[in-house]
Amino acid sequence: MEKAGRAARAKGRADDHRSGDRLLDRELDHLPPQARWREWMNRVEATIFAAGEPVSREALARIVGRSCSIDLLIDDIREELRDRPYDLVAVAGGFRHLTRPAYADAIRTAMGANERAVELTQSEVLVLMCIAYFQPITRAELSSFFGKEISRDLIGNLRSAGMIASGPRSPQPGAPYTYVTTKAFLLEFGLDTLRDLPDFEALEDAGLLSKEKLLAGDIGVALLEPEEP
């Protein structure tokens, strides 16, 4: 009975969604081109503004005409926001309004709290960065990378912060868990995809970004150690 109820509710939501799709005039053929473009811009900006998380390109495509370029719409919206204290950015596989870094101090002062919701220690940031670059990766591989054991507590803290999750089981003996970063990680660090990690492509193209070489000791971990003050 409970399964049947959930299925019925899911079907009802899907039916409502399809009904809404049919009611929305996407093409706006009755409007002149300039007014049509303006309406599409307004729809896209309103949707992103109202959403609690990044809005995907696929979702935005459902509210504009078939011939409309989402990228060009976003470019025009961003141009209009050029002198505003917030921008429209690509993050975590979608688009979101974010305040500009120049206003971080003002926001912290007004809100009376730290702007960042996630507080990580230096060690946790280093381990998180390693997971981001070399995921999926096991705790034992992380320990080999840093030359000392990475504690379960540290991994647990990153999981509790929502920055990492369990990945596929490793093919190694015992099939240990691997760890991967999450969408929350992308949001926290303002990344659209993992390809936006600093120097990712350059290190990879140069043959330096290799988990095998790191674990074999061919690449010094000193590169990731904090600099002396």
Protein backbone atom coordinates (compact mmCIF):
# COMPACT_ATOMS: atom_id res chain seq x y z
CA MET A 1 0.00 0.00 0.00
CA GLU A 2 2.76 2.44 0.94
CA LYS A 3 4.65 1.74 -2.32
CA ALA A 4 1.47 2.22 -4.30
CA GLY A 5 0.86 5.52 -2.53
CA ARG A 6 4.35 6.81 -3.29
CA ALA A 7 3.99 5.76 -6.93
CA ALA A 8 0.67 7.56 -7.19
CA ARG A 9 2.09 10.75 -5.68
CA ALA A 10 5.09 10.62 -8.02
CA LYS A 11 2.77 10.13 -11.00
CA GLY A 12 0.66 13.06 -9.83
CA ARG A 13 3.70 15.33 -9.63
CA ALA A 14 4.82 14.23 -13.08
CA ASP A 15 1.33 14.88 -14.47
CA ASP A 16 1.29 18.34 -12.86
CA HIS A 17 4.71 19.07 -14.36
CA ARG A 18 3.60 18.03 -17.84
CA SER A 19 0.41 20.06 -17.45
CA GLY A 20 2.45 23.14 -16.50
CA ASP A 21 4.69 22.57 -19.49
CA ARG A 22 1.67 22.57 -21.79
CA LEU A 23 0.29 25.78 -20.27
CA LEU A 24 3.53 27.75 -20.64
CA ASP A 25 4.01 29.49 -23.97
CA ARG A 26 7.70 28.96 -24.62
CA GLU A 27 7.95 30.24 -28.15
CA LEU A 28 6.18 33.61 -27.61
CA ASP A 29 5.66 33.95 -31.36
CA HIS A 30 3.12 36.74 -30.82
CA LEU A 31 5.88 39.06 -29.50
CA PRO A 32 8.38 41.01 -31.60
CA PRO A 33 11.94 39.60 -31.37
CA GLN A 34 13.26 42.16 -28.87
CA ALA A 35 10.32 41.76 -26.50
CA ARG A 36 10.50 37.98 -26.82
CA TRP A 37 14.18 37.98 -25.88
CA ARG A 38 13.50 40.25 -22.91
CA GLU A 39 10.76 37.92 -21.65
CA TRP A 40 13.06 34.91 -21.95
CA MET A 41 15.75 36.80 -20.01
CA ASN A 42 13.23 37.66 -17.29
CA ARG A 43 12.06 34.06 -17.02
CA VAL A 44 15.58 32.73 -16.71
CA GLU A 45 16.65 35.30 -14.14
CA ALA A 46 13.47 34.88 -12.09
CA THR A 47 13.85 31.11 -12.03
CA ILE A 48 17.49 31.27 -10.93
CA PHE A 49 16.68 33.95 -8.33
CA ALA A 50 13.87 31.86 -6.82
CA ALA A 51 15.76 28.57 -6.75
CA GLY A 52 17.49 27.35 -3.62
CA GLU A 53 20.19 25.58 -5.60
CA PRO A 54 21.89 25.96 -8.99
CA VAL A 55 19.46 25.64 -11.89
CA SER A 56 20.57 23.31 -14.66
CA ARG A 57 20.74 24.24 -18.31
CA GLU A 58 18.11 21.55 -18.99
CA ALA A 59 15.67 23.15 -16.55
CA LEU A 60 16.15 26.59 -18.11
CA ALA A 61 15.60 25.15 -21.58
CA ARG A 62 12.06 24.19 -20.51
CA ILE A 63 10.99 27.83 -20.09
CA VAL A 64 12.33 29.37 -23.32
CA GLY A 65 11.86 28.78 -27.03
CA ARG A 66 13.48 25.88 -28.84
CA SER A 67 15.67 28.22 -30.89
CA CYS A 68 16.81 30.21 -27.85
CA SER A 69 20.47 30.05 -26.78
CA ILE A 70 20.79 29.72 -23.00
CA ASP A 71 24.41 30.86 -23.17
CA LEU A 72 23.51 34.08 -24.99
CA LEU A 73 20.69 34.76 -22.52
CA ILE A 74 23.05 34.28 -19.59
CA ASP A 75 25.62 36.57 -21.23
CA ASP A 76 23.04 39.33 -21.64
CA ILE A 77 21.81 38.96 -18.05
CA ARG A 78 25.37 39.10 -16.74
CA GLU A 79 26.04 42.21 -18.80
CA GLU A 80 23.09 43.93 -17.13
CA LEU A 81 24.41 42.84 -13.71
CA ARG A 82 27.90 44.20 -14.41
CA ASP A 83 27.52 47.09 -11.93
CA ARG A 84 25.45 45.17 -9.39
CA PRO A 85 26.89 43.67 -6.16
CA TYR A 86 25.96 40.17 -7.31
CA ASP A 87 26.49 38.13 -10.45
CA LEU A 88 25.06 35.12 -12.25
CA VAL A 89 27.64 32.34 -12.19
CA ALA A 90 28.01 28.77 -13.39
CA VAL A 91 28.45 26.56 -10.33
CA ALA A 92 27.88 22.88 -9.51
CA GLY A 93 26.55 22.12 -12.98
CA GLY A 94 23.98 24.91 -13.02
CA PHE A 95 23.52 28.67 -12.69
CA ARG A 96 23.14 30.66 -9.48
CA HIS A 97 23.13 34.24 -8.20
CA LEU A 98 26.18 34.90 -6.00
CA THR A 99 27.35 38.08 -4.32
CA ARG A 100 30.67 39.49 -5.50
CA PRO A 101 33.73 38.83 -3.28
CA ALA A 102 34.29 42.59 -2.80
CA TYR A 103 31.20 42.69 -0.55
CA ALA A 104 32.14 39.74 1.67
CA ASP A 105 33.28 41.96 4.58
CA ALA A 106 30.09 44.03 4.44
CA ILE A 107 27.94 40.88 4.44
CA ARG A 108 29.85 39.37 7.38
CA THR A 109 29.55 42.62 9.34
CA ALA A 110 25.82 42.96 8.68
CA MET A 111 24.99 39.32 9.40
CA GLY A 112 27.20 39.07 12.47
CA ALA A 113 28.43 35.61 11.48
CA ASN A 114 31.05 33.96 9.37
CA GLU A 115 29.97 34.00 5.73
CA ARG A 116 31.24 30.48 5.11
CA ALA A 117 28.97 27.77 6.49
CA VAL A 118 31.73 25.14 6.43
CA GLU A 119 34.80 25.48 8.64
CA LEU A 120 37.65 23.10 7.82
CA THR A 121 41.07 22.68 9.40
CA GLN A 122 44.20 22.97 7.27
CA SER A 123 44.63 19.19 7.34
CA GLU A 124 41.04 18.64 6.25
CA VAL A 125 41.46 21.10 3.37
CA LEU A 126 44.61 19.29 2.19
CA VAL A 127 42.92 15.89 2.32
CA LEU A 128 39.83 17.28 0.61
CA MET A 129 41.97 18.73 -2.17
CA CYS A 130 43.65 15.35 -2.64
CA ILE A 131 40.27 13.61 -2.87
CA ALA A 132 39.07 16.22 -5.36
CA TYR A 133 42.03 15.67 -7.68
CA PHE A 134 42.34 11.89 -7.45
CA GLN A 135 38.84 10.60 -6.75
CA PRO A 136 37.76 7.91 -6.33
CA ILE A 137 40.47 7.29 -3.73
CA THR A 138 40.69 5.08 -0.63
CA ARG A 139 41.73 6.10 2.86
CA ALA A 140 44.81 3.88 2.55
CA GLU A 141 45.80 5.68 -0.66
CA LEU A 142 45.34 9.01 1.07
CA SER A 143 47.56 7.80 3.91
CA SER A 144 50.24 6.74 1.40
CA PHE A 145 49.98 10.11 -0.28
CA PHE A 146 50.64 12.06 2.92
CA GLY A 147 53.07 9.57 4.46
CA LYS A 148 50.94 9.15 7.59
CA GLU A 149 47.59 7.61 8.45
CA ILE A 150 44.53 9.65 7.61
CA SER A 151 42.20 9.09 10.53
CA ARG A 152 38.62 7.89 10.27
CA ASP A 153 37.66 10.96 12.31
CA LEU A 154 39.07 13.31 9.65
CA ILE A 155 37.17 11.46 6.91
CA GLY A 156 34.08 11.54 9.13
CA ASN A 157 34.36 15.30 9.56
CA LEU A 158 34.52 15.82 5.79
CA ARG A 159 31.50 13.58 5.36
CA SER A 160 29.58 15.42 8.08
CA ALA A 161 30.38 18.71 6.36
CA GLY A 162 28.88 17.26 3.17
CA MET A 163 32.11 17.72 1.24
CA ILE A 164 32.68 14.03 0.42
CA ALA A 165 30.67 10.85 0.00
CA SER A 166 31.39 7.16 -0.51
CA GLY A 167 32.36 6.23 -4.04
CA PRO A 168 32.54 2.82 -5.70
CA ARG A 169 34.30 -0.01 -3.93
CA SER A 170 37.96 -0.26 -4.87
CA PRO A 171 39.09 -3.35 -6.83
CA GLN A 172 41.88 -3.76 -4.26
CA PRO A 173 41.84 -6.78 -1.89
CA GLY A 174 39.07 -6.35 0.64
CA ALA A 175 37.20 -3.94 -1.66
CA PRO A 176 37.70 -0.87 0.56
CA TYR A 177 35.47 2.15 0.20
CA THR A 178 36.61 5.01 -1.97
CA TYR A 179 35.74 8.66 -1.46
CA VAL A 180 34.54 11.29 -3.92
CA THR A 181 33.60 14.95 -3.63
CA THR A 182 29.98 16.07 -3.70
CA LYS A 183 27.86 18.77 -5.29
CA ALA A 184 28.12 20.61 -1.96
CA PHE A 185 31.90 20.70 -2.47
CA LEU A 186 31.44 22.43 -5.83
CA LEU A 187 29.02 24.91 -4.26
CA GLU A 188 31.27 25.64 -1.31
CA PHE A 189 34.26 26.46 -3.49
CA GLY A 190 32.34 28.13 -6.33
CA LEU A 191 33.21 25.52 -8.96
CA ASP A 192 31.04 24.55 -11.91
CA THR A 193 32.76 21.18 -12.43
CA LEU A 194 35.92 19.47 -11.19
CA ARG A 195 37.59 20.73 -14.34
CA ASP A 196 37.60 24.16 -12.68
CA LEU A 197 40.05 23.02 -10.00
CA PRO A 198 43.24 25.13 -10.14
CA ASP A 199 45.64 24.04 -12.88
CA PHE A 200 43.82 20.70 -13.29
CA GLU A 201 44.26 20.45 -17.04
CA ALA A 202 47.80 21.86 -17.03
CA LEU A 203 48.97 19.36 -14.41
CA GLU A 204 47.21 16.51 -16.19
CA ASP A 205 48.63 17.44 -19.61
CA ALA A 206 52.10 17.70 -18.11
CA GLY A 207 51.79 14.19 -16.70
CA LEU A 208 52.08 15.47 -13.12
CA LEU A 209 48.51 14.74 -12.09
CA SER A 210 48.89 11.00 -11.62
CA LYS A 211 47.72 9.10 -8.58
CA GLU A 212 49.98 6.18 -9.51
CA LYS A 213 53.09 8.39 -9.54
CA LEU A 214 52.13 9.96 -6.22
CA LEU A 215 51.62 6.61 -4.52
CA ALA A 216 54.93 5.41 -5.94
CA GLY A 217 56.66 8.44 -4.43
CA ASP A 218 57.53 9.94 -7.80
CA ILE A 219 55.89 13.24 -6.90
CA GLY A 220 56.78 15.02 -3.67
CA VAL A 221 53.93 15.65 -1.26
CA ALA A 222 55.74 18.83 -0.20
CA LEU A 223 53.86 20.51 -3.03
CA LEU A 224 50.70 20.28 -0.94
CA GLU A 225 52.21 21.07 2.44
CA PRO A 226 51.56 24.53 3.91
CA GLU A 227 54.29 27.08 3.38
CA GLU A 228 56.35 28.28 6.29
CA PRO A 229 55.24 31.69 7.59
